């Protein structure tokens, strides 16, 4: 049984920033964090839509 990992808003922001700046791919970031690709992609889509990390649950 897997355990759900929680990330702070700051951790999500840093992950999104690194992906958008081309420092790391979404695939590599998801592997580094031990989460699904779709989770990181969702963070990025929300960032691009809202322009902030508001609404993210820590």
Protein backbone atom coordinates (compact mmCIF):
# COMPACT_ATOMS: atom_id res chain seq x y z
CA UNK A 1 0.00 0.00 0.00
CA UNK A 2 1.46 3.35 -1.00
CA UNK A 3 1.65 6.38 1.24
CA UNK A 4 0.53 9.72 -0.14
CA UNK A 5 3.30 12.31 -0.01
CA UNK A 6 2.39 15.92 0.76
CA UNK A 7 4.41 18.79 -0.63
CA UNK A 8 4.40 22.34 0.64
CA UNK A 9 3.44 25.20 -1.65
CA UNK A 10 7.11 26.20 -1.71
CA UNK A 11 8.20 22.71 -2.80
CA UNK A 12 5.60 22.69 -5.57
CA UNK A 13 6.68 26.16 -6.69
CA UNK A 14 10.35 25.13 -6.87
CA UNK A 15 9.47 22.01 -8.89
CA UNK A 16 7.31 24.00 -11.31
CA UNK A 17 9.93 26.73 -11.66
CA UNK A 18 12.70 24.25 -12.48
CA UNK A 19 10.55 22.53 -15.09
CA UNK A 20 9.44 25.75 -16.75
CA UNK A 21 12.98 27.13 -16.82
CA UNK A 22 14.18 23.96 -18.52
CA UNK A 23 16.46 22.92 -15.67
CA UNK A 24 14.77 19.51 -15.47
CA UNK A 25 12.14 17.62 -17.43
CA UNK A 26 8.74 16.84 -15.98
CA UNK A 27 9.59 13.14 -16.18
CA UNK A 28 12.84 13.61 -14.28
CA UNK A 29 11.21 15.84 -11.66
CA UNK A 30 8.41 13.34 -11.06
CA UNK A 31 10.96 10.54 -10.61
CA UNK A 32 13.07 12.72 -8.30
CA UNK A 33 10.03 13.49 -6.13
CA UNK A 34 8.67 9.95 -6.31
CA UNK A 35 5.33 11.01 -7.74
CA UNK A 36 3.44 10.51 -10.99
CA UNK A 37 4.20 12.55 -14.10
CA UNK A 38 0.58 13.70 -14.16
CA UNK A 39 0.91 15.26 -10.70
CA UNK A 40 3.79 17.51 -11.75
CA UNK A 41 2.03 18.32 -15.01
CA UNK A 42 -1.09 19.35 -13.05
CA UNK A 43 1.00 21.70 -10.90
CA UNK A 44 2.43 23.29 -14.04
CA UNK A 45 -0.97 23.64 -15.74
CA UNK A 46 -2.40 25.28 -12.62
CA UNK A 47 0.58 27.64 -12.43
CA UNK A 48 0.20 28.59 -16.10
CA UNK A 49 -3.57 29.09 -15.68
CA UNK A 50 -3.56 30.99 -12.38
CA UNK A 51 -0.08 32.52 -12.40
CA UNK A 52 0.28 31.72 -8.73
CA UNK A 53 0.37 28.88 -6.29
CA UNK A 54 -2.84 30.02 -4.63
CA UNK A 55 -5.28 27.21 -4.25
CA UNK A 56 -2.61 24.62 -3.69
CA UNK A 57 -3.09 22.56 -0.60
CA UNK A 58 0.05 21.94 1.39
